[in-house]
Amino acid sequence: MDDTANLRPPTALSAIEAETGRLGFGMAGERRVGSLLRTLARSKGKGRFLELGTGTGLSTAWILDGMTPDSSLVTLDNDRTVLDVVERHLGHDPRLRIVCDDGDRFCL
């Protein structure tokens, strides 16, 4: 059984996946996990979310896709190269704040 057959991915996902592959970024999430993240984000209206370890933004895209218009997401990574991918594909979303910093420094 293909449990991904009816999965509606976020609009930017294919482009992010393509760039992720070109970069050789090996820590990308999979679509089933993304679908779960979207569902969890949707369950929290007016949510304030924090994502540590943005990578190229695959999970970020799913979280944003599930968020309500009055929610916000801060996403953090210490690698400018991968965050540039996020900026290109998701940076236009006013609910998103992208931070390039070390998680320990940011959270303490």
PDB file of N, CA and C in Angstrom:
ATOM      1  N   MET A   1       0.842  -1.183   0.000  1.00  0.00           N
ATOM      2  CA  MET A   1       0.000   0.000   0.000  1.00  0.00           C
ATOM      3  C   MET A   1       0.884   1.242   0.000  1.00  0.00           C
ATOM      4  N   ASP A   2       0.544   2.197  -0.838  1.00  0.00           N
ATOM      5  CA  ASP A   2       1.297   3.448  -0.910  1.00  0.00           C
ATOM      6  C   ASP A   2       0.573   4.501  -0.077  1.00  0.00           C
ATOM      7  N   ASP A   3       1.065   4.747   1.131  1.00  0.00           N
ATOM      8  CA  ASP A   3       0.395   5.709   2.015  1.00  0.00           C
ATOM      9  C   ASP A   3       0.771   7.155   1.697  1.00  0.00           C
ATOM     10  N   THR A   4       1.541   7.379   0.634  1.00  0.00           N
ATOM     11  CA  THR A   4       1.868   8.751   0.226  1.00  0.00           C
ATOM     12  C   THR A   4       1.103   9.155  -1.031  1.00  0.00           C
ATOM     13  N   ALA A   5       0.247   8.276  -1.549  1.00  0.00           N
ATOM     14  CA  ALA A   5      -0.448   8.531  -2.811  1.00  0.00           C
ATOM     15  C   ALA A   5      -1.318   9.784  -2.764  1.00  0.00           C
ATOM     16  N   ASN A   6      -1.953  10.052  -1.646  1.00  0.00           N
ATOM     17  CA  ASN A   6      -2.850  11.205  -1.536  1.00  0.00           C
ATOM     18  C   ASN A   6      -2.234  12.368  -0.768  1.00  0.00           C
ATOM     19  N   LEU A   7      -0.941  12.332  -0.609  1.00  0.00           N
ATOM     20  CA  LEU A   7      -0.241  13.372   0.134  1.00  0.00           C
ATOM     21  C   LEU A   7      -0.103  14.620  -0.736  1.00  0.00           C
ATOM     22  N   ARG A   8      -0.618  15.749  -0.270  1.00  0.00           N
ATOM     23  CA  ARG A   8      -0.512  17.007  -1.004  1.00  0.00           C
ATOM     24  C   ARG A   8       0.670  17.789  -0.434  1.00  0.00           C
ATOM     25  N   PRO A   9       1.798  17.796  -1.137  1.00  0.00           N
ATOM     26  CA  PRO A   9       2.979  18.485  -0.605  1.00  0.00           C
ATOM     27  C   PRO A   9       2.846  20.002  -0.704  1.00  0.00           C
ATOM     28  N   PRO A  10       3.566  20.730   0.140  1.00  0.00           N
ATOM     29  CA  PRO A  10       3.591  22.190   0.040  1.00  0.00           C
ATOM     30  C   PRO A  10       4.094  22.629  -1.339  1.00  0.00           C
ATOM     31  N   THR A  11       3.663  23.773  -1.784  1.00  0.00           N
ATOM     32  CA  THR A  11       3.985  24.283  -3.114  1.00  0.00           C
ATOM     33  C   THR A  11       5.475  24.306  -3.399  1.00  0.00           C
ATOM     34  N   ALA A  12       6.277  24.763  -2.464  1.00  0.00           N
ATOM     35  CA  ALA A  12       7.718  24.938  -2.698  1.00  0.00           C
ATOM     36  C   ALA A  12       8.523  23.655  -2.527  1.00  0.00           C
ATOM     37  N   LEU A  13       7.889  22.578  -2.114  1.00  0.00           N
ATOM     38  CA  LEU A  13       8.643  21.387  -1.716  1.00  0.00           C
ATOM     39  C   LEU A  13       9.503  20.802  -2.835  1.00  0.00           C
ATOM     40  N   SER A  14       8.968  20.654  -4.024  1.00  0.00           N
ATOM     41  CA  SER A  14       9.740  20.048  -5.122  1.00  0.00           C
ATOM     42  C   SER A  14      10.991  20.852  -5.441  1.00  0.00           C
ATOM     43  N   ALA A  15      10.870  22.166  -5.464  1.00  0.00           N
ATOM     44  CA  ALA A  15      12.034  23.019  -5.748  1.00  0.00           C
ATOM     45  C   ALA A  15      13.073  22.914  -4.631  1.00  0.00           C
ATOM     46  N   ILE A  16      12.613  22.859  -3.387  1.00  0.00           N
ATOM     47  CA  ILE A  16      13.540  22.712  -2.258  1.00  0.00           C
ATOM     48  C   ILE A  16      14.224  21.348  -2.320  1.00  0.00           C
ATOM     49  N   GLU A  17      13.463  20.308  -2.633  1.00  0.00           N
ATOM     50  CA  GLU A  17      14.056  18.972  -2.760  1.00  0.00           C
ATOM     51  C   GLU A  17      15.128  18.949  -3.847  1.00  0.00           C
ATOM     52  N   ALA A  18      14.874  19.611  -4.961  1.00  0.00           N
ATOM     53  CA  ALA A  18      15.851  19.645  -6.058  1.00  0.00           C
ATOM     54  C   ALA A  18      17.138  20.336  -5.618  1.00  0.00           C
ATOM     55  N   GLU A  19      17.013  21.481  -4.946  1.00  0.00           N
ATOM     56  CA  GLU A  19      18.207  22.187  -4.461  1.00  0.00           C
ATOM     57  C   GLU A  19      18.929  21.386  -3.386  1.00  0.00           C
ATOM     58  N   THR A  20      18.168  20.707  -2.554  1.00  0.00           N
ATOM     59  CA  THR A  20      18.754  19.866  -1.510  1.00  0.00           C
ATOM     60  C   THR A  20      19.628  18.786  -2.139  1.00  0.00           C
ATOM     61  N   GLY A  21      19.131  18.177  -3.197  1.00  0.00           N
ATOM     62  CA  GLY A  21      19.897  17.158  -3.908  1.00  0.00           C
ATOM     63  C   GLY A  21      21.151  17.717  -4.548  1.00  0.00           C
ATOM     64  N   ARG A  22      21.040  18.891  -5.172  1.00  0.00           N
ATOM     65  CA  ARG A  22      22.208  19.517  -5.810  1.00  0.00           C
ATOM     66  C   ARG A  22      23.282  19.862  -4.791  1.00  0.00           C
ATOM     67  N   LEU A  23      22.870  20.253  -3.594  1.00  0.00           N
ATOM     68  CA  LEU A  23      23.835  20.583  -2.538  1.00  0.00           C
ATOM     69  C   LEU A  23      24.456  19.339  -1.912  1.00  0.00           C
ATOM     70  N   GLY A  24      23.841  18.200  -2.125  1.00  0.00           N
ATOM     71  CA  GLY A  24      24.313  16.978  -1.478  1.00  0.00           C
ATOM     72  C   GLY A  24      24.007  16.968   0.009  1.00  0.00           C
ATOM     73  N   PHE A  25      22.967  17.690   0.406  1.00  0.00           N
ATOM     74  CA  PHE A  25      22.580  17.776   1.815  1.00  0.00           C
ATOM     75  C   PHE A  25      21.937  16.459   2.225  1.00  0.00           C
ATOM     76  N   GLY A  26      22.564  15.753   3.147  1.00  0.00           N
ATOM     77  CA  GLY A  26      22.144  14.403   3.481  1.00  0.00           C
ATOM     78  C   GLY A  26      21.236  14.250   4.681  1.00  0.00           C
ATOM     79  N   MET A  27      20.780  15.341   5.267  1.00  0.00           N
ATOM     80  CA  MET A  27      19.951  15.228   6.470  1.00  0.00           C
ATOM     81  C   MET A  27      18.514  15.662   6.201  1.00  0.00           C
ATOM     82  N   ALA A  28      18.053  15.449   4.990  1.00  0.00           N
ATOM     83  CA  ALA A  28      16.710  15.874   4.621  1.00  0.00           C
ATOM     84  C   ALA A  28      15.660  14.939   5.209  1.00  0.00           C
ATOM     85  N   GLY A  29      14.515  15.513   5.562  1.00  0.00           N
ATOM     86  CA  GLY A  29      13.409  14.729   6.097  1.00  0.00           C
ATOM     87  C   GLY A  29      12.619  14.065   4.981  1.00  0.00           C
ATOM     88  N   GLU A  30      11.721  13.178   5.359  1.00  0.00           N
ATOM     89  CA  GLU A  30      10.900  12.521   4.349  1.00  0.00           C
ATOM     90  C   GLU A  30       9.467  13.028   4.415  1.00  0.00           C
ATOM     91  N   ARG A  31       8.723  12.771   3.364  1.00  0.00           N
ATOM     92  CA  ARG A  31       7.387  13.347   3.213  1.00  0.00           C
ATOM     93  C   ARG A  31       6.389  12.893   4.283  1.00  0.00           C
ATOM     94  N   ARG A  32       6.483  11.669   4.744  1.00  0.00           N
ATOM     95  CA  ARG A  32       5.554  11.221   5.794  1.00  0.00           C
ATOM     96  C   ARG A  32       5.763  12.016   7.080  1.00  0.00           C
ATOM     97  N   VAL A  33       7.011  12.277   7.406  1.00  0.00           N
ATOM     98  CA  VAL A  33       7.322  13.082   8.594  1.00  0.00           C
ATOM     99  C   VAL A  33       6.820  14.506   8.382  1.00  0.00           C
ATOM    100  N   GLY A  34       7.021  15.030   7.181  1.00  0.00           N
ATOM    101  CA  GLY A  34       6.522  16.365   6.862  1.00  0.00           C
ATOM    102  C   GLY A  34       5.021  16.468   7.033  1.00  0.00           C
ATOM    103  N   SER A  35       4.310  15.458   6.581  1.00  0.00           N
ATOM    104  CA  SER A  35       2.858  15.445   6.724  1.00  0.00           C
ATOM    105  C   SER A  35       2.445  15.477   8.197  1.00  0.00           C
ATOM    106  N   LEU A  36       3.179  14.757   9.028  1.00  0.00           N
ATOM    107  CA  LEU A  36       2.919  14.785  10.469  1.00  0.00           C
ATOM    108  C   LEU A  36       3.185  16.180  11.034  1.00  0.00           C
ATOM    109  N   LEU A  37       4.287  16.799  10.624  1.00  0.00           N
ATOM    110  CA  LEU A  37       4.599  18.152  11.097  1.00  0.00           C
ATOM    111  C   LEU A  37       3.495  19.133  10.708  1.00  0.00           C
ATOM    112  N   ARG A  38       2.996  19.016   9.491  1.00  0.00           N
ATOM    113  CA  ARG A  38       1.910  19.895   9.043  1.00  0.00           C
ATOM    114  C   ARG A  38       0.675  19.706   9.919  1.00  0.00           C
ATOM    115  N   THR A  39       0.342  18.461  10.210  1.00  0.00           N
ATOM    116  CA  THR A  39      -0.826  18.169  11.042  1.00  0.00           C
ATOM    117  C   THR A  39      -0.656  18.731  12.448  1.00  0.00           C
ATOM    118  N   LEU A  40       0.524  18.555  13.021  1.00  0.00           N
ATOM    119  CA  LEU A  40       0.782  19.082  14.364  1.00  0.00           C
ATOM    120  C   LEU A  40       0.705  20.605  14.385  1.00  0.00           C
ATOM    121  N   ALA A  41       1.267  21.253  13.374  1.00  0.00           N
ATOM    122  CA  ALA A  41       1.209  22.720  13.312  1.00  0.00           C
ATOM    123  C   ALA A  41      -0.235  23.193  13.182  1.00  0.00           C
ATOM    124  N   ARG A  42      -1.025  22.497  12.388  1.00  0.00           N
ATOM    125  CA  ARG A  42      -2.423  22.871  12.187  1.00  0.00           C
ATOM    126  C   ARG A  42      -3.217  22.747  13.483  1.00  0.00           C
ATOM    127  N   SER A  43      -2.824  21.842  14.355  1.00  0.00           N
ATOM    128  CA  SER A  43      -3.575  21.609  15.592  1.00  0.00           C
ATOM    129  C   SER A  43      -3.375  22.715  16.624  1.00  0.00           C
ATOM    130  N   LYS A  44      -2.465  23.632  16.367  1.00  0.00           N
ATOM    131  CA  LYS A  44      -2.148  24.695  17.332  1.00  0.00           C
ATOM    132  C   LYS A  44      -2.423  26.055  16.694  1.00  0.00           C
ATOM    133  N   GLY A  45      -3.656  26.522  16.779  1.00  0.00           N
ATOM    134  CA  GLY A  45      -4.001  27.845  16.275  1.00  0.00           C
ATOM    135  C   GLY A  45      -3.244  28.925  17.031  1.00  0.00           C
ATOM    136  N   LYS A  46      -2.885  29.983  16.354  1.00  0.00           N
ATOM    137  CA  LYS A  46      -2.080  31.074  16.929  1.00  0.00           C
ATOM    138  C   LYS A  46      -0.788  30.537  17.545  1.00  0.00           C
ATOM    139  N   GLY A  47      -0.249  29.499  16.932  1.00  0.00           N
ATOM    140  CA  GLY A  47       0.953  28.860  17.464  1.00  0.00           C
ATOM    141  C   GLY A  47       2.198  29.708  17.277  1.00  0.00           C
ATOM    142  N   ARG A  48       3.115  29.562  18.210  1.00  0.00           N
ATOM    143  CA  ARG A  48       4.450  30.164  18.113  1.00  0.00           C
ATOM    144  C   ARG A  48       5.430  29.001  18.117  1.00  0.00           C
ATOM    145  N   PHE A  49       6.032  28.745  16.958  1.00  0.00           N
ATOM    146  CA  PHE A  49       6.856  27.558  16.775  1.00  0.00           C
ATOM    147  C   PHE A  49       8.327  27.921  16.666  1.00  0.00           C
ATOM    148  N   LEU A  50       9.179  27.008  17.131  1.00  0.00           N
ATOM    149  CA  LEU A  50      10.632  27.144  17.017  1.00  0.00           C
ATOM    150  C   LEU A  50      11.168  25.867  16.399  1.00  0.00           C
ATOM    151  N   GLU A  51      11.928  26.017  15.323  1.00  0.00           N
ATOM    152  CA  GLU A  51      12.555  24.877  14.655  1.00  0.00           C
ATOM    153  C   GLU A  51      14.064  25.036  14.772  1.00  0.00           C
ATOM    154  N   LEU A  52      14.718  24.078  15.380  1.00  0.00           N
ATOM    155  CA  LEU A  52      16.177  24.098  15.522  1.00  0.00           C
ATOM    156  C   LEU A  52      16.776  23.129  14.515  1.00  0.00           C
ATOM    157  N   GLY A  53      17.633  23.634  13.647  1.00  0.00           N
ATOM    158  CA  GLY A  53      18.223  22.812  12.596  1.00  0.00           C
ATOM    159  C   GLY A  53      17.368  22.849  11.344  1.00  0.00           C
ATOM    160  N   THR A  54      17.283  23.998  10.728  1.00  0.00           N
ATOM    161  CA  THR A  54      16.436  24.227   9.563  1.00  0.00           C
ATOM    162  C   THR A  54      16.831  23.368   8.371  1.00  0.00           C
ATOM    163  N   GLY A  55      18.138  23.210   8.175  1.00  0.00           N
ATOM    164  CA  GLY A  55      18.596  22.554   6.953  1.00  0.00           C
ATOM    165  C   GLY A  55      18.166  23.375   5.751  1.00  0.00           C
ATOM    166  N   THR A  56      17.726  22.712   4.698  1.00  0.00           N
ATOM    167  CA  THR A  56      17.312  23.424   3.485  1.00  0.00           C
ATOM    168  C   THR A  56      15.847  23.845   3.520  1.00  0.00           C
ATOM    169  N   GLY A  57      15.150  23.557   4.599  1.00  0.00           N
ATOM    170  CA  GLY A  57      13.785  24.037   4.765  1.00  0.00           C
ATOM    171  C   GLY A  57      12.689  23.063   4.383  1.00  0.00           C
ATOM    172  N   LEU A  58      13.032  21.798   4.199  1.00  0.00           N
ATOM    173  CA  LEU A  58      11.992  20.826   3.854  1.00  0.00           C
ATOM    174  C   LEU A  58      10.936  20.737   4.953  1.00  0.00           C
ATOM    175  N   SER A  59      11.359  20.563   6.186  1.00  0.00           N
ATOM    176  CA  SER A  59      10.399  20.512   7.299  1.00  0.00           C
ATOM    177  C   SER A  59       9.734  21.866   7.504  1.00  0.00           C
ATOM    178  N   THR A  60      10.486  22.919   7.299  1.00  0.00           N
ATOM    179  CA  THR A  60       9.944  24.275   7.429  1.00  0.00           C
ATOM    180  C   THR A  60       8.750  24.461   6.498  1.00  0.00           C
ATOM    181  N   ALA A  61       8.875  23.987   5.271  1.00  0.00           N
ATOM    182  CA  ALA A  61       7.787  24.115   4.296  1.00  0.00           C
ATOM    183  C   ALA A  61       6.524  23.408   4.779  1.00  0.00           C
ATOM    184  N   TRP A  62       6.683  22.222   5.340  1.00  0.00           N
ATOM    185  CA  TRP A  62       5.531  21.479   5.854  1.00  0.00           C
ATOM    186  C   TRP A  62       4.900  22.190   7.047  1.00  0.00           C
ATOM    187  N   ILE A  63       5.731  22.686   7.962  1.00  0.00           N
ATOM    188  CA  ILE A  63       5.210  23.389   9.141  1.00  0.00           C
ATOM    189  C   ILE A  63       4.425  24.623   8.702  1.00  0.00           C
ATOM    190  N   LEU A  64       5.018  25.422   7.811  1.00  0.00           N
ATOM    191  CA  LEU A  64       4.332  26.615   7.310  1.00  0.00           C
ATOM    192  C   LEU A  64       3.008  26.256   6.643  1.00  0.00           C
ATOM    193  N   ASP A  65       2.998  25.158   5.907  1.00  0.00           N
ATOM    194  CA  ASP A  65       1.794  24.732   5.198  1.00  0.00           C
ATOM    195  C   ASP A  65       0.660  24.402   6.165  1.00  0.00           C
ATOM    196  N   GLY A  66       1.003  23.965   7.362  1.00  0.00           N
ATOM    197  CA  GLY A  66      -0.016  23.628   8.349  1.00  0.00           C
ATOM    198  C   GLY A  66      -0.404  24.768   9.275  1.00  0.00           C
ATOM    199  N   MET A  67       0.434  25.783   9.353  1.00  0.00           N
ATOM    200  CA  MET A  67       0.200  26.878  10.299  1.00  0.00           C
ATOM    201  C   MET A  67      -1.004  27.733   9.906  1.00  0.00           C
ATOM    202  N   THR A  68      -1.691  28.241  10.911  1.00  0.00           N
ATOM    203  CA  THR A  68      -2.767  29.194  10.671  1.00  0.00           C
ATOM    204  C   THR A  68      -2.154  30.558  10.343  1.00  0.00           C
ATOM    205  N   PRO A  69      -2.927  31.449   9.727  1.00  0.00           N
ATOM    206  CA  PRO A  69      -2.389  32.759   9.341  1.00  0.00           C
ATOM    207  C   PRO A  69      -1.861  33.588  10.516  1.00  0.00           C
ATOM    208  N   ASP A  70      -2.370  33.336  11.723  1.00  0.00           N
ATOM    209  CA  ASP A  70      -1.947  34.112  12.886  1.00  0.00           C
ATOM    210  C   ASP A  70      -0.859  33.406  13.700  1.00  0.00           C
ATOM    211  N   SER A  71      -0.248  32.381  13.145  1.00  0.00           N
ATOM    212  CA  SER A  71       0.866  31.680  13.794  1.00  0.00           C
ATOM    213  C   SER A  71       2.192  32.252  13.317  1.00  0.00           C
ATOM    214  N   SER A  72       3.276  31.884  14.019  1.00  0.00           N
ATOM    215  CA  SER A  72       4.612  32.329  13.609  1.00  0.00           C
ATOM    216  C   SER A  72       5.619  31.203  13.845  1.00  0.00           C
ATOM    217  N   LEU A  73       6.692  31.247  13.052  1.00  0.00           N
ATOM    218  CA  LEU A  73       7.742  30.240  13.142  1.00  0.00           C
ATOM    219  C   LEU A  73       9.098  30.926  13.092  1.00  0.00           C
ATOM    220  N   VAL A  74       9.930  30.634  14.083  1.00  0.00           N
ATOM    221  CA  VAL A  74      11.340  31.024  14.057  1.00  0.00           C
ATOM    222  C   VAL A  74      12.104  29.753  13.744  1.00  0.00           C
ATOM    223  N   THR A  75      12.927  29.804  12.706  1.00  0.00           N
ATOM    224  CA  THR A  75      13.720  28.638  12.338  1.00  0.00           C
ATOM    225  C   THR A  75      15.192  29.004  12.356  1.00  0.00           C
ATOM    226  N   LEU A  76      16.017  28.120  12.876  1.00  0.00           N
ATOM    227  CA  LEU A  76      17.405  28.439  13.195  1.00  0.00           C
ATOM    228  C   LEU A  76      18.352  27.378  12.654  1.00  0.00           C
ATOM    229  N   ASP A  77      19.413  27.828  12.001  1.00  0.00           N
ATOM    230  CA  ASP A  77      20.484  26.935  11.560  1.00  0.00           C
ATOM    231  C   ASP A  77      21.774  27.746  11.560  1.00  0.00           C
ATOM    232  N   ASN A  78      22.903  27.068  11.687  1.00  0.00           N
ATOM    233  CA  ASN A  78      24.183  27.784  11.710  1.00  0.00           C
ATOM    234  C   ASN A  78      24.916  27.710  10.370  1.00  0.00           C
ATOM    235  N   ASP A  79      24.242  27.238   9.332  1.00  0.00           N
ATOM    236  CA  ASP A  79      24.850  27.089   8.010  1.00  0.00           C
ATOM    237  C   ASP A  79      24.168  28.023   7.014  1.00  0.00           C
ATOM    238  N   ARG A  80      24.864  29.077   6.642  1.00  0.00           N
ATOM    239  CA  ARG A  80      24.297  30.081   5.741  1.00  0.00           C
ATOM    240  C   ARG A  80      23.936  29.488   4.373  1.00  0.00           C
ATOM    241  N   THR A  81      24.715  28.518   3.914  1.00  0.00           N
ATOM    242  CA  THR A  81      24.467  27.926   2.594  1.00  0.00           C
ATOM    243  C   THR A  81      23.080  27.300   2.509  1.00  0.00           C
ATOM    244  N   VAL A  82      22.712  26.515   3.509  1.00  0.00           N
ATOM    245  CA  VAL A  82      21.391  25.884   3.472  1.00  0.00           C
ATOM    246  C   VAL A  82      20.282  26.900   3.746  1.00  0.00           C
ATOM    247  N   LEU A  83      20.565  27.892   4.566  1.00  0.00           N
ATOM    248  CA  LEU A  83      19.551  28.916   4.835  1.00  0.00           C
ATOM    249  C   LEU A  83      19.259  29.765   3.604  1.00  0.00           C
ATOM    250  N   ASP A  84      20.220  29.883   2.705  1.00  0.00           N
ATOM    251  CA  ASP A  84      19.969  30.602   1.451  1.00  0.00           C
ATOM    252  C   ASP A  84      18.870  29.911   0.641  1.00  0.00           C
ATOM    253  N   VAL A  85      18.821  28.589   0.701  1.00  0.00           N
ATOM    254  CA  VAL A  85      17.759  27.837   0.023  1.00  0.00           C
ATOM    255  C   VAL A  85      16.410  28.196   0.644  1.00  0.00           C
ATOM    256  N   VAL A  86      16.368  28.235   1.954  1.00  0.00           N
ATOM    257  CA  VAL A  86      15.133  28.584   2.667  1.00  0.00           C
ATOM    258  C   VAL A  86      14.687  29.993   2.290  1.00  0.00           C
ATOM    259  N   GLU A  87      15.619  30.929   2.288  1.00  0.00           N
ATOM    260  CA  GLU A  87      15.302  32.319   1.923  1.00  0.00           C
ATOM    261  C   GLU A  87      14.678  32.393   0.531  1.00  0.00           C
ATOM    262  N   ARG A  88      15.272  31.688  -0.422  1.00  0.00           N
ATOM    263  CA  ARG A  88      14.784  31.742  -1.805  1.00  0.00           C
ATOM    264  C   ARG A  88      13.363  31.212  -1.945  1.00  0.00           C
ATOM    265  N   HIS A  89      13.060  30.149  -1.243  1.00  0.00           N
ATOM    266  CA  HIS A  89      11.781  29.471  -1.466  1.00  0.00           C
ATOM    267  C   HIS A  89      10.694  29.797  -0.445  1.00  0.00           C
ATOM    268  N   LEU A  90      11.089  30.193   0.757  1.00  0.00           N
ATOM    269  CA  LEU A  90      10.092  30.413   1.810  1.00  0.00           C
ATOM    270  C   LEU A  90      10.189  31.790   2.466  1.00  0.00           C
ATOM    271  N   GLY A  91      11.240  32.527   2.167  1.00  0.00           N
ATOM    272  CA  GLY A  91      11.504  33.796   2.843  1.00  0.00           C
ATOM    273  C   GLY A  91      10.439  34.857   2.658  1.00  0.00           C
ATOM    274  N   HIS A  92       9.573  34.696   1.690  1.00  0.00           N
ATOM    275  CA  HIS A  92       8.500  35.663   1.437  1.00  0.00           C
ATOM    276  C   HIS A  92       7.354  35.552   2.444  1.00  0.00           C
ATOM    277  N   ASP A  93       7.313  34.483   3.210  1.00  0.00           N
ATOM    278  CA  ASP A  93       6.200  34.254   4.140  1.00  0.00           C
ATOM    279  C   ASP A  93       6.381  35.119   5.387  1.00  0.00           C
ATOM    280  N   PRO A  94       5.452  36.040   5.663  1.00  0.00           N
ATOM    281  CA  PRO A  94       5.606  36.951   6.809  1.00  0.00           C
ATOM    282  C   PRO A  94       5.534  36.254   8.168  1.00  0.00           C
ATOM    283  N   ARG A  95       5.078  35.020   8.205  1.00  0.00           N
ATOM    284  CA  ARG A  95       5.000  34.283   9.473  1.00  0.00           C
ATOM    285  C   ARG A  95       6.337  33.670   9.856  1.00  0.00           C
ATOM    286  N   LEU A  96       7.311  33.732   8.954  1.00  0.00           N
ATOM    287  CA  LEU A  96       8.590  33.050   9.129  1.00  0.00           C
ATOM    288  C   LEU A  96       9.712  34.029   9.447  1.00  0.00           C
ATOM    289  N   ARG A  97      10.485  33.681  10.462  1.00  0.00           N
ATOM    290  CA  ARG A  97      11.720  34.410  10.785  1.00  0.00           C
ATOM    291  C   ARG A  97      12.870  33.413  10.695  1.00  0.00           C
ATOM    292  N   ILE A  98      13.843  33.697   9.826  1.00  0.00           N
ATOM    293  CA  ILE A  98      14.983  32.812   9.592  1.00  0.00           C
ATOM    294  C   ILE A  98      16.192  33.391  10.313  1.00  0.00           C
ATOM    295  N   VAL A  99      16.839  32.572  11.142  1.00  0.00           N
ATOM    296  CA  VAL A  99      17.975  33.027  11.944  1.00  0.00           C
ATOM    297  C   VAL A  99      19.181  32.145  11.647  1.00  0.00           C
ATOM    298  N   CYS A 100      20.318  32.790  11.354  1.00  0.00           N
ATOM    299  CA  CYS A 100      21.577  32.065  11.185  1.00  0.00           C
ATOM    300  C   CYS A 100      22.393  32.279  12.456  1.00  0.00           C
ATOM    301  N   ASP A 101      22.427  31.264  13.301  1.00  0.00           N
ATOM    302  CA  ASP A 101      23.133  31.357  14.576  1.00  0.00           C
ATOM    303  C   ASP A 101      23.288  29.944  15.133  1.00  0.00           C
ATOM    304  N   ASP A 102      24.080  29.840  16.168  1.00  0.00           N
ATOM    305  CA  ASP A 102      24.244  28.582  16.883  1.00  0.00           C
ATOM    306  C   ASP A 102      23.083  28.424  17.860  1.00  0.00           C
ATOM    307  N   GLY A 103      22.497  27.246  17.917  1.00  0.00           N
ATOM    308  CA  GLY A 103      21.341  27.008  18.775  1.00  0.00           C
ATOM    309  C   GLY A 103      21.598  27.284  20.240  1.00  0.00           C
ATOM    310  N   ASP A 104      22.775  26.915  20.735  1.00  0.00           N
ATOM    311  CA  ASP A 104      23.094  27.163  22.145  1.00  0.00           C
ATOM    312  C   ASP A 104      23.061  28.646  22.465  1.00  0.00           C
ATOM    313  N   ARG A 105      23.651  29.439  21.616  1.00  0.00           N
ATOM    314  CA  ARG A 105      23.701  30.884  21.846  1.00  0.00           C
ATOM    315  C   ARG A 105      22.311  31.503  21.726  1.00  0.00           C
ATOM    316  N   PHE A 106      21.553  31.055  20.762  1.00  0.00           N
ATOM    317  CA  PHE A 106      20.236  31.620  20.509  1.00  0.00           C
ATOM    318  C   PHE A 106      19.263  31.322  21.645  1.00  0.00           C
ATOM    319  N   CYS A 107      19.297  30.103  22.144  1.00  0.00           N
ATOM    320  CA  CYS A 107      18.306  29.665  23.133  1.00  0.00           C
ATOM    321  C   CYS A 107      18.654  30.028  24.570  1.00  0.00           C
ATOM    322  N   LEU A 108      19.891  30.383  24.822  1.00  0.00           N
ATOM    323  CA  LEU A 108      20.271  30.688  26.202  1.00  0.00           C
ATOM    324  C   LEU A 108      20.131  32.114  26.532  1.00  0.00           C
TER     325      LEU A 108
END
